[in-house]
Protein backbone atom coordinates (compact mmCIF):
# COMPACT_ATOMS: atom_id res chain seq x y z
CA UNK A 1 -15.91 -29.49 61.62
CA UNK A 2 -16.44 -32.58 64.00
CA UNK A 3 -14.98 -35.59 62.74
CA UNK A 4 -16.97 -38.76 62.42
CA UNK A 5 -15.09 -42.17 62.82
CA UNK A 6 -18.17 -43.92 61.38
CA UNK A 7 -17.54 -42.47 58.24
CA UNK A 8 -13.96 -43.88 57.72
CA UNK A 9 -13.67 -46.92 56.39
CA UNK A 10 -11.45 -49.82 57.27
CA UNK A 11 -8.42 -50.43 54.89
CA UNK A 12 -6.00 -52.72 55.80
CA UNK A 13 -1.82 -50.98 55.75
CA UNK A 14 -1.24 -53.10 52.35
CA UNK A 15 -3.62 -51.64 50.65
CA UNK A 16 -2.60 -48.04 51.21
CA UNK A 17 0.29 -47.92 48.23
CA UNK A 18 -2.51 -48.42 45.98
CA UNK A 19 -4.35 -45.21 46.95
CA UNK A 20 -3.83 -41.58 45.43
CA UNK A 21 -3.11 -38.60 47.67
CA UNK A 22 -4.00 -35.00 46.91
CA UNK A 23 -1.74 -32.24 48.55
CA UNK A 24 -4.20 -30.35 49.85
CA UNK A 25 -4.21 -30.35 53.90
CA UNK A 26 -7.28 -31.55 55.17
CA UNK A 27 -7.30 -29.95 58.29
CA UNK A 28 -8.11 -26.59 58.18
CA UNK A 29 -7.72 -24.77 62.23
CA UNK A 30 -3.73 -24.60 63.75
CA UNK A 31 -4.72 -26.18 66.55
CA UNK A 32 -5.29 -29.08 64.84
CA UNK A 33 -2.52 -29.36 62.88
CA UNK A 34 -0.33 -28.99 65.78
CA UNK A 35 -1.95 -31.45 67.70
CA UNK A 36 -1.81 -33.84 65.05
CA UNK A 37 1.71 -33.17 65.19
CA UNK A 38 1.68 -34.34 68.82
CA UNK A 39 -0.02 -37.46 68.27
CA UNK A 40 2.28 -38.56 65.92
CA UNK A 41 5.71 -38.45 67.42
CA UNK A 42 3.78 -39.96 70.72
CA UNK A 43 2.74 -42.86 67.74
CA UNK A 44 6.02 -42.56 66.95
CA UNK A 45 7.47 -43.52 70.15
CA UNK A 46 4.51 -45.81 71.42
CA UNK A 47 5.59 -47.89 67.85
CA UNK A 48 9.52 -48.06 68.30
CA UNK A 49 9.69 -48.65 72.28
CA UNK A 50 6.85 -50.83 72.40
CA UNK A 51 5.05 -51.54 69.02
CA UNK A 52 1.85 -50.14 70.11
CA UNK A 53 -0.95 -50.09 67.10
CA UNK A 54 -2.81 -46.86 66.54
CA UNK A 55 -5.35 -46.00 63.78
CA UNK A 56 -4.56 -43.25 61.36
CA UNK A 57 -7.87 -41.25 60.26
CA UNK A 58 -7.09 -40.74 56.56
CA UNK A 59 -8.26 -39.16 53.56
CA UNK A 60 -7.03 -40.26 49.80
CA UNK A 61 -9.04 -38.84 46.64
CA UNK A 62 -12.23 -40.68 46.82
CA UNK A 63 -12.61 -41.99 50.34
CA UNK A 64 -11.81 -41.58 54.31
CA UNK A 65 -10.15 -44.45 55.75
CA UNK A 66 -8.76 -45.58 58.95
CA UNK A 67 -5.64 -48.27 58.96
CA UNK A 68 -4.61 -50.03 62.49
CA UNK A 69 -0.71 -50.38 62.41
CA UNK A 70 2.55 -49.30 63.84
CA UNK A 71 4.09 -45.71 63.24
CA UNK A 72 7.81 -46.63 62.39
CA UNK A 73 8.78 -43.31 61.28
CA UNK A 74 7.94 -39.14 60.89
CA UNK A 75 9.25 -37.14 58.16
CA UNK A 76 8.18 -33.30 57.62
CA UNK A 77 5.71 -34.60 54.99
CA UNK A 78 5.05 -38.60 55.65
CA UNK A 79 4.24 -40.83 58.16
CA UNK A 80 6.29 -44.00 57.45
CA UNK A 81 4.72 -47.66 58.27
CA UNK A 82 6.04 -51.16 57.84
CA UNK A 83 7.29 -51.85 54.97
CA UNK A 84 8.49 -48.36 53.99
CA UNK A 85 4.07 -47.53 53.17
CA UNK A 86 3.34 -44.09 54.24
CA UNK A 87 0.69 -42.04 54.62
CA UNK A 88 1.09 -38.18 53.45
CA UNK A 89 0.61 -36.03 57.00
CA UNK A 90 -1.62 -33.18 55.02
CA UNK A 91 -3.97 -35.82 54.15
CA UNK A 92 -4.18 -37.45 58.04
CA UNK A 93 -7.45 -36.28 60.13
CA UNK A 94 -6.41 -37.82 63.48
CA UNK A 95 -4.70 -40.52 65.40
CA UNK A 96 -6.01 -42.43 68.30
CA UNK A 97 -4.11 -43.98 70.39
């Protein structure tokens, strides 16, 4: 399935804690999952070294969202943004740097 950025609504990072995230994976292709992991690690390096903002395209339980932010941390299950805000990695479609 090709991602269409026009179908993603902009959201402020401060609004992410109000969202509900299902446990299901949004990507069905193993190569896309590996690519997402590589891009997250790259975003983490850029965030920590240069404070570079990136776009994260993700899905909650009802809508598709995009947030422009700096990645502060990445665990095996979550992306950590400023102020401890998290997005489950399984819910991320794409990262644009």
